[in-house]
N, C-alpha and C. Protein backbone atom coordinates (compact mmCIF):
# COMPACT_ATOMS: atom_id res chain seq x y z
N MET A 1 139.24 -54.11 82.49
CA MET A 1 138.51 -54.78 83.78
C MET A 1 138.58 -53.13 84.84
N ILE A 2 139.74 -52.65 85.54
CA ILE A 2 140.39 -51.90 86.61
C ILE A 2 139.37 -50.48 85.66
N LYS A 3 139.09 -50.39 84.92
CA LYS A 3 138.27 -49.50 84.38
C LYS A 3 136.73 -49.30 84.52
N LYS A 4 136.23 -50.76 84.33
CA LYS A 4 135.04 -51.19 84.69
C LYS A 4 134.60 -50.66 85.92
N ASN A 5 135.71 -51.07 86.67
CA ASN A 5 135.51 -51.66 88.56
C ASN A 5 135.21 -50.25 88.62
N LYS A 6 136.05 -49.21 88.23
CA LYS A 6 136.19 -48.12 88.74
C LYS A 6 134.41 -47.09 88.71
N GLN A 7 134.00 -47.71 87.47
CA GLN A 7 133.38 -47.74 86.86
C GLN A 7 131.28 -48.10 87.69
N ASN A 8 131.91 -48.85 87.95
CA ASN A 8 130.75 -49.66 88.85
C ASN A 8 130.88 -48.52 90.25
N ILE A 9 131.92 -48.83 90.55
CA ILE A 9 132.22 -47.89 92.15
C ILE A 9 131.07 -46.03 91.90
N LYS A 10 132.10 -45.65 90.62
CA LYS A 10 130.96 -44.49 90.59
C LYS A 10 130.04 -44.62 90.72
N TYR A 11 128.79 -45.27 89.72
CA TYR A 11 128.05 -45.85 89.35
C TYR A 11 126.81 -45.85 91.26
N LEU A 12 127.93 -46.43 91.93
CA LEU A 12 127.16 -47.25 93.29
C LEU A 12 126.59 -45.78 94.20
N ILE A 13 128.00 -44.91 93.68
CA ILE A 13 128.12 -44.01 94.54
C ILE A 13 127.01 -42.89 94.24
N ASP A 14 127.08 -42.71 93.20
CA ASP A 14 125.64 -41.64 92.52
C ASP A 14 124.18 -42.10 92.65
N TYR A 15 124.27 -44.20 93.01
CA TYR A 15 123.06 -44.17 92.49
C TYR A 15 122.41 -43.63 94.64
N ASN A 16 123.34 -43.92 95.42
CA ASN A 16 122.95 -43.70 96.79
C ASN A 16 122.86 -42.11 96.74
N LYS A 17 123.86 -40.87 96.29
CA LYS A 17 123.27 -39.61 96.41
C LYS A 17 122.24 -39.36 95.67
N ASP A 18 121.60 -40.52 94.42
CA ASP A 18 120.44 -39.83 94.15
C ASP A 18 118.88 -40.26 95.00
N ARG A 19 119.43 -41.18 95.45
CA ARG A 19 118.63 -41.92 96.37
C ARG A 19 118.03 -41.12 97.85
N LYS A 20 119.13 -40.39 98.25
CA LYS A 20 118.65 -39.39 99.07
C LYS A 20 118.35 -38.44 98.58
N LYS A 21 119.01 -38.34 97.23
CA LYS A 21 118.25 -36.43 97.25
C LYS A 21 116.56 -36.79 96.71
N ILE A 22 115.89 -38.38 96.30
CA ILE A 22 114.90 -38.01 96.33
C ILE A 22 114.29 -38.67 97.47
N LYS A 23 114.57 -38.96 98.38
CA LYS A 23 113.58 -38.49 99.94
C LYS A 23 113.63 -37.49 100.13
N ILE A 24 115.01 -36.84 100.20
CA ILE A 24 114.36 -34.83 100.91
C ILE A 24 114.17 -34.45 99.57
N TYR A 25 114.01 -34.81 98.17
CA TYR A 25 112.78 -34.00 97.47
C TYR A 25 110.90 -34.87 98.25
N PHE A 26 111.10 -35.56 98.21
CA PHE A 26 109.84 -35.77 98.55
C PHE A 26 108.65 -35.51 99.59
N ARG A 27 109.77 -35.21 100.56
CA ARG A 27 110.13 -34.48 102.19
C ARG A 27 109.76 -33.32 101.87
N ARG A 28 110.50 -32.89 101.16
CA ARG A 28 110.29 -31.24 100.83
C ARG A 28 108.49 -30.92 99.96
N LEU A 29 108.19 -32.17 99.77
CA LEU A 29 106.95 -31.58 98.85
C LEU A 29 105.25 -32.04 99.23
N TRP A 30 105.75 -33.31 100.28
CA TRP A 30 105.11 -33.83 101.42
C TRP A 30 104.98 -32.16 102.15
N ILE A 31 106.12 -31.84 103.08
CA ILE A 31 105.60 -30.39 103.66
C ILE A 31 105.28 -29.06 102.98
N THR A 32 105.48 -28.89 101.97
CA THR A 32 104.81 -27.84 100.96
C THR A 32 103.39 -28.09 100.49
N ARG A 33 102.90 -29.22 100.71
CA ARG A 33 101.36 -29.49 100.25
C ARG A 33 100.55 -29.12 101.63
N ILE A 34 101.12 -29.98 103.36
CA ILE A 34 100.77 -29.22 103.82
C ILE A 34 100.11 -28.17 104.25
N ASN A 35 102.01 -27.47 104.24
CA ASN A 35 101.88 -25.79 104.08
C ASN A 35 100.92 -25.10 103.39
N ALA A 36 100.49 -25.26 102.61
CA ALA A 36 99.75 -24.66 101.42
C ALA A 36 98.60 -24.82 101.66
N LYS A 37 97.85 -25.59 101.97
CA LYS A 37 96.26 -26.01 103.33
C LYS A 37 96.49 -25.78 103.87
N ILE A 38 96.57 -25.36 105.11
CA ILE A 38 96.53 -24.86 105.59
C ILE A 38 96.76 -23.36 105.29
N ARG A 39 97.73 -23.03 105.03
CA ARG A 39 97.81 -21.74 104.65
C ARG A 39 95.99 -21.25 104.10
N TYR A 40 95.89 -21.78 102.77
CA TYR A 40 95.10 -21.23 101.72
C TYR A 40 93.44 -21.73 102.23
N ASP A 41 93.80 -22.58 103.44
CA ASP A 41 92.40 -22.74 104.65
C ASP A 41 92.26 -21.00 105.97
N GLY A 42 93.21 -20.62 106.46
CA GLY A 42 93.15 -19.47 106.69
C GLY A 42 93.10 -19.80 108.49
N ASN A 43 93.30 -21.11 108.80
CA ASN A 43 93.26 -21.42 110.46
C ASN A 43 94.17 -20.34 111.24
N LEU A 44 93.89 -19.78 112.08
CA LEU A 44 94.68 -18.11 112.44
C LEU A 44 95.25 -18.50 113.63
N PHE A 45 94.49 -20.28 114.23
CA PHE A 45 95.57 -20.49 115.15
C PHE A 45 96.53 -21.68 115.05
N CYS A 46 96.62 -21.71 114.03
CA CYS A 46 97.83 -22.62 113.34
C CYS A 46 98.04 -22.51 111.98
N SER A 47 98.45 -21.27 111.55
CA SER A 47 98.63 -21.00 110.26
C SER A 47 99.93 -21.19 109.47
N TYR A 48 100.94 -22.00 110.39
CA TYR A 48 102.19 -22.37 109.96
C TYR A 48 102.41 -23.77 109.99
N TYR A 49 103.13 -24.31 109.05
CA TYR A 49 102.99 -25.87 109.10
C TYR A 49 104.41 -26.73 110.34
N SER A 50 104.90 -25.90 111.12
CA SER A 50 105.72 -26.32 112.11
C SER A 50 104.56 -26.00 113.39
N LEU A 51 103.67 -24.94 113.98
CA LEU A 51 102.44 -24.77 114.76
C LEU A 51 101.77 -25.86 114.59
N PHE A 52 101.01 -26.58 113.17
CA PHE A 52 100.22 -27.70 112.88
C PHE A 52 100.94 -29.01 113.42
N PHE A 53 101.94 -29.06 112.90
CA PHE A 53 102.69 -30.39 113.48
C PHE A 53 103.41 -30.43 115.13
N ASN A 54 103.06 -29.36 115.80
CA ASN A 54 103.61 -29.40 116.66
C ASN A 54 101.91 -29.72 117.89
N LYS A 55 100.86 -29.15 116.68
CA LYS A 55 99.38 -29.45 117.56
C LYS A 55 99.28 -30.66 117.08
N LEU A 56 99.50 -31.16 116.29
CA LEU A 56 99.14 -32.51 115.87
C LEU A 56 100.04 -33.73 117.11
N ARG A 57 101.10 -33.27 117.58
CA ARG A 57 101.73 -34.33 118.50
C ARG A 57 101.53 -33.79 119.82
N LYS A 58 101.39 -32.46 119.89
CA LYS A 58 100.71 -33.09 121.31
C LYS A 58 99.23 -33.29 121.54
N ASN A 59 98.40 -34.07 120.33
CA ASN A 59 96.81 -34.29 120.58
C ASN A 59 96.86 -35.37 120.38
N LYS A 60 98.71 -35.97 120.37
CA LYS A 60 98.86 -38.03 120.14
C LYS A 60 98.38 -38.24 118.65
N ILE A 61 97.82 -37.12 117.92
CA ILE A 61 97.83 -37.60 116.55
C ILE A 61 99.21 -37.97 115.80
N ILE A 62 98.63 -39.59 115.50
CA ILE A 62 100.59 -40.31 114.77
C ILE A 62 100.21 -39.95 113.55
N LEU A 63 100.55 -39.04 112.42
CA LEU A 63 99.89 -38.98 111.37
C LEU A 63 101.21 -38.70 110.39
N ASN A 64 101.79 -39.59 109.40
CA ASN A 64 103.24 -39.13 108.99
C ASN A 64 103.02 -38.19 107.82
N ARG A 65 104.04 -37.46 107.48
CA ARG A 65 103.65 -36.34 106.78
C ARG A 65 103.44 -36.73 104.96
N LYS A 66 103.49 -37.95 104.33
CA LYS A 66 103.32 -38.48 103.38
C LYS A 66 101.91 -38.82 103.37
N ILE A 67 101.39 -39.31 104.49
CA ILE A 67 100.07 -39.47 104.55
C ILE A 67 98.99 -38.21 104.80
N LEU A 68 99.24 -36.93 105.69
CA LEU A 68 99.13 -35.29 105.95
C LEU A 68 99.66 -35.30 104.38
N GLY A 69 99.74 -35.33 103.52
CA GLY A 69 100.28 -34.95 102.16
C GLY A 69 99.32 -34.79 101.24
N GLN A 70 98.93 -36.32 101.57
CA GLN A 70 97.91 -37.76 100.29
C GLN A 70 96.63 -36.54 100.76
N ILE A 71 96.13 -36.45 101.98
CA ILE A 71 94.94 -36.27 102.71
C ILE A 71 94.96 -35.12 102.52
N ALA A 72 95.59 -33.79 102.30
CA ALA A 72 95.78 -32.29 102.12
C ALA A 72 94.89 -31.92 100.61
N ILE A 73 95.76 -32.95 99.81
CA ILE A 73 94.84 -33.19 98.18
C ILE A 73 94.09 -33.50 98.14
N ALA A 74 93.95 -34.81 98.53
CA ALA A 74 93.07 -35.13 97.74
C ALA A 74 91.55 -35.84 98.77
N ASN A 75 91.70 -35.36 99.34
CA ASN A 75 90.32 -35.80 100.62
C ASN A 75 90.38 -34.55 101.93
N THR A 76 89.86 -32.85 100.87
CA THR A 76 89.97 -31.86 102.05
C THR A 76 89.08 -31.97 103.35
N LEU A 77 88.01 -33.17 102.84
CA LEU A 77 87.02 -32.91 104.30
C LEU A 77 88.00 -33.30 105.50
N CYS A 78 88.38 -34.39 105.35
CA CYS A 78 89.63 -35.28 106.21
C CYS A 78 90.15 -34.49 106.70
N PHE A 79 90.89 -33.38 106.02
CA PHE A 79 91.80 -33.08 106.36
C PHE A 79 91.13 -31.21 107.22
N TYR A 80 90.21 -31.15 107.25
CA TYR A 80 89.32 -30.01 108.23
C TYR A 80 88.69 -30.75 108.82
N VAL A 81 88.45 -32.19 109.84
CA VAL A 81 88.20 -32.94 110.14
C VAL A 81 89.47 -32.93 111.31
N ILE A 82 90.55 -32.98 111.08
CA ILE A 82 92.04 -32.96 111.19
C ILE A 82 91.87 -32.10 112.44
N SER A 83 92.09 -30.87 111.56
CA SER A 83 92.55 -29.73 111.71
C SER A 83 91.99 -29.16 112.81
N ASN A 84 89.96 -29.40 113.16
CA ASN A 84 89.15 -28.46 113.57
C ASN A 84 89.86 -30.09 114.88
N PHE A 85 90.19 -31.24 114.84
CA PHE A 85 90.05 -31.51 115.92
C PHE A 85 91.24 -30.79 116.80
N ILE A 86 92.57 -30.85 116.24
CA ILE A 86 93.21 -30.15 116.99
C ILE A 86 93.42 -28.52 117.34
N LEU A 87 92.43 -28.14 117.18
CA LEU A 87 91.77 -26.53 117.30
C LEU A 87 91.40 -26.99 118.51
N TYR A 88 89.74 -27.48 118.76
CA TYR A 88 89.17 -27.66 119.57
C TYR A 88 89.23 -28.19 120.78
């Protein structure tokens, strides 16, 4: 009985750790996708992810990393429109 309780507690602790790791992994994946798209396009004004996101915030464009990562992969024309809106 005690052994099962310890196993259950260990399972719950590991489950929370893994859940947090998955969140970190996906955030890193979205940032990598956005950064790769920015560098591939070759925009001189914002050639880094941090500059791109800074200009997004200054222009009051509210898009999270998940949506931007999906747009960068699936809909490149929309991503070009967003980046041109930021630059000009």
